[in-house]
Amino acid sequence: MSALVCVARIGAAHGVRGAVKLWTFTEDPFAVRRYGPLLSKDGKRQFEVAQAREAKDHLVATFKGVTTRDEAERLNGIELYVAREKLPATDEDEYYHTDLIGLAAVTTDGDALGRVLAIHNFGAGDIIEIAPPKGSAKGTTMLLPFTNAVVPEVDLTGGRVVIALPQEIEGEDKDEALSTGRPREGGDP
């Protein structure tokens, strides 16, 4: 089976006839209806959207075979997946998070920084999270803007992203911020 991509998460029951709140992670929220049966993370359960309507920041949906509030309540928190090949192709400079996670991260000089751990968006743009190489003394993960200036190259075929480290990270010189053994401000010497 190909890689699965999370496209939605079931929320709380809505009403008494088996409807649920459904948070989608697709550009078009109603795309979840076009992918066919949606799978649980382990691939053992299938869910087919019977009806969906737009609500404030989510969909209100019913699934085939779910007709009561009790049945709907048991689905709360289940993430729904589709096979990667069912998703549309991306445009240039667009990527599915699942394609980026796990890629090697290197500097523009080719030095290893670690691996892409996640892509986040806290409301001010995408952030790439990079875990340091295993066994590295560099310690904590790095959170950097996922912009063309900071990530000038994404090579999916080569399995890497190139990072142009910014001159300052959280107000510190990048060499200081990336060095080891330096206590945090307010920390013990």
N, C-alpha and C. Protein backbone atom coordinates (compact mmCIF):
# COMPACT_ATOMS: atom_id res chain seq x y z
N MET A 1 0.85 -1.19 0.00
CA MET A 1 0.00 0.00 0.00
C MET A 1 0.89 1.24 0.00
N SER A 2 0.48 2.25 -0.73
CA SER A 2 1.26 3.47 -0.79
C SER A 2 1.11 4.26 0.50
N ALA A 3 1.89 5.32 0.60
CA ALA A 3 1.84 6.17 1.78
C ALA A 3 0.45 6.78 1.92
N LEU A 4 0.02 6.89 3.16
CA LEU A 4 -1.28 7.51 3.46
C LEU A 4 -1.06 8.95 3.87
N VAL A 5 -1.98 9.82 3.47
CA VAL A 5 -1.92 11.24 3.80
C VAL A 5 -3.18 11.60 4.57
N CYS A 6 -3.01 12.25 5.71
CA CYS A 6 -4.14 12.67 6.54
C CYS A 6 -4.83 13.84 5.86
N VAL A 7 -6.14 13.68 5.59
CA VAL A 7 -6.90 14.73 4.92
C VAL A 7 -8.00 15.33 5.78
N ALA A 8 -8.29 14.70 6.94
CA ALA A 8 -9.36 15.22 7.80
C ALA A 8 -9.27 14.59 9.17
N ARG A 9 -9.97 15.22 10.12
CA ARG A 9 -10.09 14.69 11.48
C ARG A 9 -11.54 14.83 11.91
N ILE A 10 -12.09 13.76 12.44
CA ILE A 10 -13.47 13.78 12.92
C ILE A 10 -13.50 14.42 14.29
N GLY A 11 -14.45 15.32 14.48
CA GLY A 11 -14.63 15.99 15.76
C GLY A 11 -15.85 15.47 16.48
N ALA A 12 -16.40 16.28 17.32
CA ALA A 12 -17.54 15.91 18.17
C ALA A 12 -18.79 15.65 17.35
N ALA A 13 -19.69 14.90 17.96
CA ALA A 13 -20.99 14.64 17.34
C ALA A 13 -21.74 15.96 17.18
N HIS A 14 -22.59 16.02 16.15
CA HIS A 14 -23.37 17.23 15.89
C HIS A 14 -24.82 16.78 15.70
N GLY A 15 -25.66 17.09 16.65
CA GLY A 15 -27.07 16.69 16.56
C GLY A 15 -27.27 15.25 17.01
N VAL A 16 -28.44 14.71 16.68
CA VAL A 16 -28.80 13.37 17.17
C VAL A 16 -28.87 12.31 16.07
N ARG A 17 -28.61 12.67 14.83
CA ARG A 17 -28.78 11.73 13.70
C ARG A 17 -27.46 11.23 13.11
N GLY A 18 -26.39 11.25 13.90
CA GLY A 18 -25.14 10.67 13.44
C GLY A 18 -24.18 11.62 12.75
N ALA A 19 -24.48 12.89 12.71
CA ALA A 19 -23.57 13.85 12.09
C ALA A 19 -22.40 14.16 13.01
N VAL A 20 -21.29 14.57 12.42
CA VAL A 20 -20.09 14.95 13.18
C VAL A 20 -19.53 16.24 12.62
N LYS A 21 -18.73 16.91 13.44
CA LYS A 21 -17.92 18.02 12.94
C LYS A 21 -16.72 17.39 12.26
N LEU A 22 -16.37 17.90 11.09
CA LEU A 22 -15.26 17.34 10.33
C LEU A 22 -14.31 18.45 9.93
N TRP A 23 -13.08 18.37 10.41
CA TRP A 23 -12.05 19.34 10.06
C TRP A 23 -11.23 18.76 8.92
N THR A 24 -11.22 19.45 7.78
CA THR A 24 -10.48 18.96 6.62
C THR A 24 -9.16 19.72 6.49
N PHE A 25 -8.18 19.04 5.92
CA PHE A 25 -6.85 19.62 5.71
C PHE A 25 -6.55 19.74 4.22
N THR A 26 -7.60 19.93 3.44
CA THR A 26 -7.48 20.05 1.99
C THR A 26 -7.81 21.47 1.58
N GLU A 27 -7.27 21.89 0.45
CA GLU A 27 -7.55 23.25 -0.03
C GLU A 27 -9.05 23.46 -0.21
N ASP A 28 -9.71 22.50 -0.84
CA ASP A 28 -11.16 22.52 -0.97
C ASP A 28 -11.73 21.58 0.09
N PRO A 29 -12.43 22.09 1.10
CA PRO A 29 -12.92 21.21 2.17
C PRO A 29 -13.78 20.05 1.66
N PHE A 30 -14.49 20.25 0.56
CA PHE A 30 -15.38 19.20 0.05
C PHE A 30 -14.63 18.14 -0.77
N ALA A 31 -13.34 18.30 -0.95
CA ALA A 31 -12.55 17.31 -1.68
C ALA A 31 -12.58 15.95 -1.00
N VAL A 32 -12.81 15.91 0.30
CA VAL A 32 -12.85 14.62 1.00
C VAL A 32 -13.93 13.70 0.45
N ARG A 33 -14.94 14.27 -0.19
CA ARG A 33 -15.99 13.45 -0.80
C ARG A 33 -15.54 12.82 -2.11
N ARG A 34 -14.57 13.43 -2.78
CA ARG A 34 -14.12 12.94 -4.09
C ARG A 34 -13.06 11.85 -4.01
N TYR A 35 -12.45 11.66 -2.85
CA TYR A 35 -11.37 10.69 -2.72
C TYR A 35 -11.85 9.26 -2.54
N GLY A 36 -13.14 9.07 -2.42
CA GLY A 36 -13.66 7.73 -2.17
C GLY A 36 -13.57 7.42 -0.69
N PRO A 37 -13.57 6.15 -0.33
CA PRO A 37 -13.52 5.82 1.10
C PRO A 37 -12.26 6.38 1.76
N LEU A 38 -12.46 6.96 2.93
CA LEU A 38 -11.35 7.47 3.73
C LEU A 38 -10.98 6.38 4.73
N LEU A 39 -9.70 6.30 5.06
CA LEU A 39 -9.21 5.23 5.92
C LEU A 39 -8.76 5.75 7.27
N SER A 40 -8.84 4.88 8.28
CA SER A 40 -8.22 5.18 9.56
C SER A 40 -6.71 5.06 9.38
N LYS A 41 -5.94 5.54 10.33
CA LYS A 41 -4.48 5.56 10.20
C LYS A 41 -3.92 4.17 9.94
N ASP A 42 -4.47 3.15 10.59
CA ASP A 42 -3.98 1.79 10.40
C ASP A 42 -4.53 1.14 9.14
N GLY A 43 -5.45 1.81 8.45
CA GLY A 43 -6.02 1.31 7.21
C GLY A 43 -7.08 0.23 7.39
N LYS A 44 -7.44 -0.07 8.63
CA LYS A 44 -8.38 -1.16 8.90
C LYS A 44 -9.85 -0.73 8.83
N ARG A 45 -10.11 0.56 9.02
CA ARG A 45 -11.49 1.05 8.98
C ARG A 45 -11.67 2.00 7.81
N GLN A 46 -12.83 1.93 7.17
CA GLN A 46 -13.14 2.82 6.06
C GLN A 46 -14.35 3.68 6.42
N PHE A 47 -14.32 4.90 5.93
CA PHE A 47 -15.41 5.85 6.16
C PHE A 47 -15.75 6.50 4.84
N GLU A 48 -17.03 6.54 4.51
CA GLU A 48 -17.45 7.20 3.28
C GLU A 48 -18.41 8.33 3.65
N VAL A 49 -18.06 9.53 3.22
CA VAL A 49 -18.88 10.70 3.52
C VAL A 49 -20.18 10.59 2.72
N ALA A 50 -21.31 10.58 3.44
CA ALA A 50 -22.62 10.52 2.79
C ALA A 50 -23.10 11.92 2.43
N GLN A 51 -22.98 12.84 3.39
CA GLN A 51 -23.39 14.23 3.18
C GLN A 51 -22.43 15.13 3.92
N ALA A 52 -22.29 16.35 3.41
CA ALA A 52 -21.45 17.34 4.07
C ALA A 52 -21.97 18.72 3.74
N ARG A 53 -21.93 19.57 4.74
CA ARG A 53 -22.29 20.97 4.54
C ARG A 53 -21.30 21.83 5.30
N GLU A 54 -21.15 23.05 4.82
CA GLU A 54 -20.18 23.95 5.42
C GLU A 54 -20.72 24.55 6.71
N ALA A 55 -19.85 24.64 7.70
CA ALA A 55 -20.14 25.34 8.95
C ALA A 55 -19.08 26.43 9.10
N LYS A 56 -19.00 27.05 10.26
CA LYS A 56 -18.11 28.20 10.44
C LYS A 56 -16.67 27.90 10.04
N ASP A 57 -16.02 26.95 10.68
CA ASP A 57 -14.61 26.65 10.38
C ASP A 57 -14.38 25.15 10.15
N HIS A 58 -15.45 24.45 9.79
CA HIS A 58 -15.37 23.01 9.58
C HIS A 58 -16.56 22.58 8.71
N LEU A 59 -16.67 21.30 8.47
CA LEU A 59 -17.85 20.75 7.81
C LEU A 59 -18.69 20.02 8.84
N VAL A 60 -19.97 19.93 8.59
CA VAL A 60 -20.84 19.03 9.34
C VAL A 60 -21.13 17.90 8.37
N ALA A 61 -20.74 16.68 8.74
CA ALA A 61 -20.81 15.56 7.81
C ALA A 61 -21.47 14.35 8.44
N THR A 62 -22.02 13.51 7.58
CA THR A 62 -22.50 12.20 8.00
C THR A 62 -21.74 11.16 7.19
N PHE A 63 -21.53 10.01 7.80
CA PHE A 63 -20.86 8.90 7.15
C PHE A 63 -21.86 7.78 6.93
N LYS A 64 -21.71 7.07 5.83
CA LYS A 64 -22.58 5.93 5.55
C LYS A 64 -22.45 4.94 6.70
N GLY A 65 -23.60 4.48 7.19
CA GLY A 65 -23.62 3.50 8.27
C GLY A 65 -23.62 4.09 9.67
N VAL A 66 -23.45 5.40 9.80
CA VAL A 66 -23.47 6.06 11.11
C VAL A 66 -24.76 6.85 11.18
N THR A 67 -25.69 6.39 12.05
CA THR A 67 -27.03 7.01 12.07
C THR A 67 -27.45 7.54 13.42
N THR A 68 -26.66 7.30 14.47
CA THR A 68 -27.06 7.77 15.80
C THR A 68 -25.96 8.64 16.40
N ARG A 69 -26.35 9.43 17.38
CA ARG A 69 -25.38 10.27 18.08
C ARG A 69 -24.34 9.41 18.79
N ASP A 70 -24.75 8.30 19.39
CA ASP A 70 -23.79 7.42 20.08
C ASP A 70 -22.72 6.91 19.13
N GLU A 71 -23.12 6.49 17.93
CA GLU A 71 -22.15 6.02 16.94
C GLU A 71 -21.22 7.15 16.53
N ALA A 72 -21.77 8.35 16.35
CA ALA A 72 -20.97 9.51 15.96
C ALA A 72 -19.98 9.88 17.07
N GLU A 73 -20.40 9.80 18.32
CA GLU A 73 -19.51 10.15 19.43
C GLU A 73 -18.30 9.24 19.50
N ARG A 74 -18.44 7.99 19.12
CA ARG A 74 -17.32 7.04 19.16
C ARG A 74 -16.27 7.33 18.08
N LEU A 75 -16.60 8.17 17.12
CA LEU A 75 -15.66 8.51 16.05
C LEU A 75 -14.79 9.73 16.37
N ASN A 76 -15.12 10.44 17.43
CA ASN A 76 -14.43 11.67 17.78
C ASN A 76 -12.91 11.45 17.86
N GLY A 77 -12.16 12.27 17.13
CA GLY A 77 -10.70 12.23 17.18
C GLY A 77 -10.05 11.35 16.13
N ILE A 78 -10.82 10.58 15.38
CA ILE A 78 -10.23 9.72 14.36
C ILE A 78 -9.74 10.57 13.19
N GLU A 79 -8.49 10.34 12.81
CA GLU A 79 -7.94 11.02 11.64
C GLU A 79 -8.23 10.17 10.42
N LEU A 80 -8.54 10.83 9.30
CA LEU A 80 -8.93 10.15 8.07
C LEU A 80 -7.85 10.34 7.00
N TYR A 81 -7.52 9.25 6.33
CA TYR A 81 -6.41 9.23 5.39
C TYR A 81 -6.86 8.75 4.01
N VAL A 82 -6.08 9.14 3.00
CA VAL A 82 -6.23 8.60 1.65
C VAL A 82 -4.84 8.21 1.16
N ALA A 83 -4.82 7.32 0.17
CA ALA A 83 -3.55 6.94 -0.44
C ALA A 83 -2.97 8.15 -1.17
N ARG A 84 -1.68 8.32 -1.09
CA ARG A 84 -1.00 9.48 -1.67
C ARG A 84 -1.34 9.67 -3.15
N GLU A 85 -1.44 8.56 -3.90
CA GLU A 85 -1.68 8.68 -5.35
C GLU A 85 -3.08 9.19 -5.68
N LYS A 86 -3.99 9.22 -4.73
CA LYS A 86 -5.34 9.76 -4.99
C LYS A 86 -5.37 11.29 -4.95
N LEU A 87 -4.34 11.88 -4.40
CA LEU A 87 -4.29 13.34 -4.29
C LEU A 87 -3.86 13.96 -5.60
N PRO A 88 -4.33 15.17 -5.89
CA PRO A 88 -3.92 15.83 -7.14
C PRO A 88 -2.44 16.18 -7.12
N ALA A 89 -1.88 16.30 -8.31
CA ALA A 89 -0.48 16.73 -8.44
C ALA A 89 -0.34 18.15 -7.90
N THR A 90 0.83 18.45 -7.39
CA THR A 90 1.07 19.79 -6.86
C THR A 90 1.69 20.67 -7.94
N ASP A 91 1.52 21.96 -7.77
CA ASP A 91 2.16 22.93 -8.67
C ASP A 91 3.62 23.08 -8.26
N GLU A 92 4.38 23.78 -9.09
CA GLU A 92 5.77 24.06 -8.76
C GLU A 92 5.81 24.85 -7.46
N ASP A 93 6.74 24.54 -6.60
CA ASP A 93 6.91 25.18 -5.29
C ASP A 93 5.75 24.90 -4.34
N GLU A 94 4.98 23.85 -4.60
CA GLU A 94 3.95 23.37 -3.67
C GLU A 94 4.28 21.93 -3.32
N TYR A 95 4.09 21.58 -2.03
CA TYR A 95 4.45 20.25 -1.58
C TYR A 95 3.44 19.76 -0.55
N TYR A 96 3.23 18.48 -0.54
CA TYR A 96 2.47 17.88 0.54
C TYR A 96 3.42 17.69 1.72
N HIS A 97 2.94 17.98 2.91
CA HIS A 97 3.78 17.84 4.10
C HIS A 97 4.40 16.46 4.16
N THR A 98 3.62 15.44 3.85
CA THR A 98 4.10 14.07 3.94
C THR A 98 5.30 13.83 3.02
N ASP A 99 5.41 14.59 1.92
CA ASP A 99 6.55 14.44 1.02
C ASP A 99 7.81 15.07 1.59
N LEU A 100 7.66 16.03 2.49
CA LEU A 100 8.80 16.75 3.05
C LEU A 100 9.33 16.12 4.33
N ILE A 101 8.44 15.54 5.12
CA ILE A 101 8.83 14.98 6.41
C ILE A 101 9.79 13.82 6.20
N GLY A 102 10.93 13.91 6.88
CA GLY A 102 11.95 12.87 6.79
C GLY A 102 13.08 13.20 5.83
N LEU A 103 12.92 14.27 5.01
CA LEU A 103 13.99 14.64 4.09
C LEU A 103 15.20 15.14 4.88
N ALA A 104 16.39 14.91 4.34
CA ALA A 104 17.60 15.45 4.93
C ALA A 104 17.60 16.96 4.75
N ALA A 105 18.08 17.67 5.75
CA ALA A 105 18.22 19.13 5.68
C ALA A 105 19.71 19.44 5.68
N VAL A 106 20.14 20.19 4.67
CA VAL A 106 21.55 20.57 4.56
C VAL A 106 21.65 22.07 4.34
N THR A 107 22.80 22.63 4.71
CA THR A 107 23.03 24.06 4.48
C THR A 107 23.36 24.27 3.01
N THR A 108 23.44 25.52 2.61
CA THR A 108 23.82 25.83 1.23
C THR A 108 25.24 25.37 0.93
N ASP A 109 26.04 25.15 1.95
CA ASP A 109 27.40 24.62 1.78
C ASP A 109 27.44 23.10 1.79
N GLY A 110 26.29 22.46 2.00
CA GLY A 110 26.23 21.00 2.01
C GLY A 110 26.41 20.36 3.37
N ASP A 111 26.54 21.17 4.43
CA ASP A 111 26.70 20.61 5.79
C ASP A 111 25.36 20.08 6.30
N ALA A 112 25.38 18.94 6.95
CA ALA A 112 24.16 18.33 7.47
C ALA A 112 23.60 19.15 8.64
N LEU A 113 22.30 19.43 8.58
CA LEU A 113 21.59 20.09 9.67
C LEU A 113 20.70 19.10 10.43
N GLY A 114 20.25 18.07 9.75
CA GLY A 114 19.36 17.10 10.37
C GLY A 114 18.31 16.62 9.39
N ARG A 115 17.10 16.36 9.90
CA ARG A 115 15.98 15.88 9.09
C ARG A 115 14.76 16.74 9.34
N VAL A 116 13.92 16.86 8.31
CA VAL A 116 12.67 17.61 8.44
C VAL A 116 11.75 16.79 9.33
N LEU A 117 11.34 17.38 10.43
CA LEU A 117 10.49 16.72 11.40
C LEU A 117 9.02 17.01 11.15
N ALA A 118 8.71 18.27 10.77
CA ALA A 118 7.32 18.67 10.56
C ALA A 118 7.27 20.01 9.85
N ILE A 119 6.09 20.30 9.33
CA ILE A 119 5.79 21.63 8.78
C ILE A 119 4.61 22.14 9.61
N HIS A 120 4.75 23.34 10.15
CA HIS A 120 3.71 23.92 11.00
C HIS A 120 3.21 25.21 10.37
N ASN A 121 2.01 25.61 10.78
CA ASN A 121 1.51 26.93 10.45
C ASN A 121 0.70 27.40 11.64
N PHE A 122 1.25 28.36 12.36
CA PHE A 122 0.61 28.89 13.56
C PHE A 122 -0.13 30.18 13.25
N GLY A 123 -0.34 30.48 11.95
CA GLY A 123 -1.10 31.65 11.56
C GLY A 123 -0.29 32.72 10.88
N ALA A 124 1.03 32.63 10.91
CA ALA A 124 1.85 33.67 10.30
C ALA A 124 2.72 33.11 9.18
N GLY A 125 2.32 32.03 8.58
CA GLY A 125 3.09 31.42 7.50
C GLY A 125 3.63 30.07 7.92
N ASP A 126 4.10 29.32 6.94
CA ASP A 126 4.61 27.98 7.21
C ASP A 126 5.98 28.04 7.88
N ILE A 127 6.18 27.09 8.78
CA ILE A 127 7.43 26.93 9.53
C ILE A 127 7.93 25.52 9.29
N ILE A 128 9.22 25.37 8.99
CA ILE A 128 9.81 24.05 8.84
C ILE A 128 10.57 23.72 10.12
N GLU A 129 10.31 22.54 10.66
CA GLU A 129 10.97 22.10 11.89
C GLU A 129 12.00 21.06 11.52
N ILE A 130 13.25 21.31 11.94
CA ILE A 130 14.35 20.43 11.60
C ILE A 130 14.95 19.85 12.87
N ALA A 131 14.96 18.53 12.95
CA ALA A 131 15.58 17.83 14.09
C ALA A 131 17.06 17.69 13.79
N PRO A 132 17.91 17.86 14.81
CA PRO A 132 19.36 17.71 14.57
C PRO A 132 19.70 16.27 14.22
N PRO A 133 20.87 16.07 13.59
CA PRO A 133 21.26 14.70 13.25
C PRO A 133 21.35 13.84 14.52
N LYS A 134 21.04 12.57 14.38
CA LYS A 134 21.14 11.67 15.53
C LYS A 134 22.56 11.66 16.05
N GLY A 135 22.68 11.73 17.38
CA GLY A 135 23.99 11.72 18.00
C GLY A 135 24.69 13.06 17.96
N SER A 136 24.01 14.08 17.47
CA SER A 136 24.61 15.40 17.35
C SER A 136 24.61 16.11 18.69
N ALA A 137 25.61 16.91 18.91
CA ALA A 137 25.69 17.71 20.14
C ALA A 137 24.95 19.03 19.98
N LYS A 138 24.35 19.26 18.79
CA LYS A 138 23.68 20.54 18.55
C LYS A 138 22.35 20.65 19.27
N GLY A 139 21.80 19.57 19.80
CA GLY A 139 20.67 19.64 20.70
C GLY A 139 19.29 19.77 20.11
N THR A 140 18.68 20.92 20.26
CA THR A 140 17.25 21.10 20.00
C THR A 140 16.93 21.25 18.53
N THR A 141 15.65 21.12 18.23
CA THR A 141 15.19 21.30 16.86
C THR A 141 15.21 22.77 16.49
N MET A 142 15.27 23.03 15.19
CA MET A 142 15.22 24.39 14.68
C MET A 142 13.87 24.63 14.03
N LEU A 143 13.31 25.79 14.26
CA LEU A 143 12.10 26.23 13.59
C LEU A 143 12.48 27.42 12.72
N LEU A 144 12.27 27.26 11.41
CA LEU A 144 12.65 28.30 10.46
C LEU A 144 11.48 28.59 9.53
N PRO A 145 11.41 29.82 9.00
CA PRO A 145 10.35 30.12 8.04
C PRO A 145 10.49 29.24 6.80
N PHE A 146 9.39 28.69 6.33
CA PHE A 146 9.43 27.88 5.12
C PHE A 146 9.14 28.79 3.95
N THR A 147 10.15 29.58 3.60
CA THR A 147 10.06 30.53 2.50
C THR A 147 11.14 30.20 1.47
N ASN A 148 11.02 30.77 0.29
CA ASN A 148 12.04 30.55 -0.74
C ASN A 148 13.40 31.10 -0.32
N ALA A 149 13.42 32.15 0.51
CA ALA A 149 14.68 32.72 0.96
C ALA A 149 15.42 31.78 1.91
N VAL A 150 14.69 31.12 2.80
CA VAL A 150 15.31 30.23 3.78
C VAL A 150 15.44 28.81 3.25
N VAL A 151 14.49 28.38 2.43
CA VAL A 151 14.53 27.04 1.83
C VAL A 151 14.56 27.22 0.30
N PRO A 152 15.73 27.55 -0.24
CA PRO A 152 15.80 27.85 -1.67
C PRO A 152 15.66 26.62 -2.57
N GLU A 153 15.85 25.43 -2.01
CA GLU A 153 15.77 24.23 -2.85
C GLU A 153 15.11 23.08 -2.10
N VAL A 154 14.15 22.47 -2.76
CA VAL A 154 13.53 21.24 -2.27
C VAL A 154 13.75 20.19 -3.36
N ASP A 155 14.49 19.16 -3.03
CA ASP A 155 14.83 18.11 -3.98
C ASP A 155 14.19 16.81 -3.50
N LEU A 156 12.94 16.58 -3.92
CA LEU A 156 12.23 15.38 -3.47
C LEU A 156 12.92 14.12 -3.99
N THR A 157 13.38 14.15 -5.23
CA THR A 157 14.05 12.98 -5.80
C THR A 157 15.34 12.67 -5.06
N GLY A 158 16.10 13.71 -4.72
CA GLY A 158 17.35 13.55 -4.00
C GLY A 158 17.17 13.38 -2.50
N GLY A 159 15.95 13.58 -2.02
CA GLY A 159 15.66 13.39 -0.60
C GLY A 159 16.25 14.43 0.33
N ARG A 160 16.25 15.71 -0.11
CA ARG A 160 16.83 16.74 0.75
C ARG A 160 16.20 18.10 0.52
N VAL A 161 16.34 18.94 1.51
CA VAL A 161 16.01 20.35 1.40
C VAL A 161 17.28 21.13 1.72
N VAL A 162 17.49 22.22 1.01
CA VAL A 162 18.65 23.08 1.25
C VAL A 162 18.16 24.26 2.08
N ILE A 163 18.89 24.55 3.16
CA ILE A 163 18.52 25.62 4.08
C ILE A 163 19.57 26.72 4.02
N ALA A 164 19.14 27.94 3.75
CA ALA A 164 20.00 29.12 3.83
C ALA A 164 19.72 29.74 5.20
N LEU A 165 20.57 29.42 6.16
CA LEU A 165 20.33 29.88 7.52
C LEU A 165 20.29 31.40 7.59
N PRO A 166 19.26 31.94 8.25
CA PRO A 166 19.18 33.39 8.40
C PRO A 166 20.32 33.89 9.29
N GLN A 167 20.64 35.18 9.18
CA GLN A 167 21.73 35.76 9.98
C GLN A 167 21.41 35.78 11.46
N GLU A 168 20.15 35.92 11.81
CA GLU A 168 19.77 35.94 13.22
C GLU A 168 18.67 34.93 13.46
N ILE A 169 18.74 34.26 14.59
CA ILE A 169 17.69 33.36 15.03
C ILE A 169 17.29 33.83 16.42
N GLU A 170 16.05 34.30 16.56
CA GLU A 170 15.53 34.80 17.83
C GLU A 170 16.46 35.83 18.46
N GLY A 171 16.97 36.75 17.63
CA GLY A 171 17.75 37.86 18.16
C GLY A 171 19.20 37.52 18.45
N GLU A 172 19.64 36.29 18.21
CA GLU A 172 21.02 35.91 18.46
C GLU A 172 21.73 35.75 17.13
N ASP A 173 23.03 35.94 17.13
CA ASP A 173 23.83 35.64 15.96
C ASP A 173 23.69 34.15 15.67
N LYS A 174 23.59 33.77 14.39
CA LYS A 174 23.33 32.36 14.07
C LYS A 174 24.42 31.44 14.59
N ASP A 175 25.69 31.88 14.62
CA ASP A 175 26.75 31.01 15.14
C ASP A 175 26.58 30.77 16.63
N GLU A 176 26.16 31.81 17.36
CA GLU A 176 25.89 31.65 18.79
C GLU A 176 24.71 30.71 19.01
N ALA A 177 23.65 30.91 18.26
CA ALA A 177 22.44 30.14 18.44
C ALA A 177 22.66 28.67 18.12
N LEU A 178 23.55 28.37 17.17
CA LEU A 178 23.77 26.99 16.77
C LEU A 178 24.91 26.33 17.53
N SER A 179 25.68 27.11 18.30
CA SER A 179 26.79 26.52 19.03
C SER A 179 26.29 25.70 20.20
N THR A 180 27.15 24.87 20.70
CA THR A 180 26.77 24.01 21.83
C THR A 180 27.33 24.58 23.11
N GLY A 181 26.75 24.20 24.20
CA GLY A 181 27.27 24.55 25.51
C GLY A 181 26.91 25.94 26.00
N ARG A 182 26.24 26.72 25.22
CA ARG A 182 25.87 28.07 25.65
C ARG A 182 24.56 28.00 26.41
N PRO A 183 24.54 28.47 27.66
CA PRO A 183 23.27 28.44 28.41
C PRO A 183 22.28 29.44 27.83
N ARG A 184 21.02 29.15 28.01
CA ARG A 184 19.98 30.11 27.60
C ARG A 184 20.01 31.28 28.54
N GLU A 185 19.52 32.42 28.06
CA GLU A 185 19.44 33.59 28.93
C GLU A 185 18.62 33.25 30.16
N GLY A 186 19.13 33.65 31.31
CA GLY A 186 18.42 33.38 32.55
C GLY A 186 18.70 31.97 33.08
N GLY A 187 19.50 31.20 32.31
CA GLY A 187 19.81 29.83 32.72
C GLY A 187 21.04 29.79 33.59
N ASP A 188 21.40 28.64 34.07
CA ASP A 188 22.60 28.47 34.88
C ASP A 188 23.83 28.61 34.01
N PRO A 189 24.93 29.17 34.56
CA PRO A 189 26.16 29.32 33.75
C PRO A 189 26.79 27.98 33.45
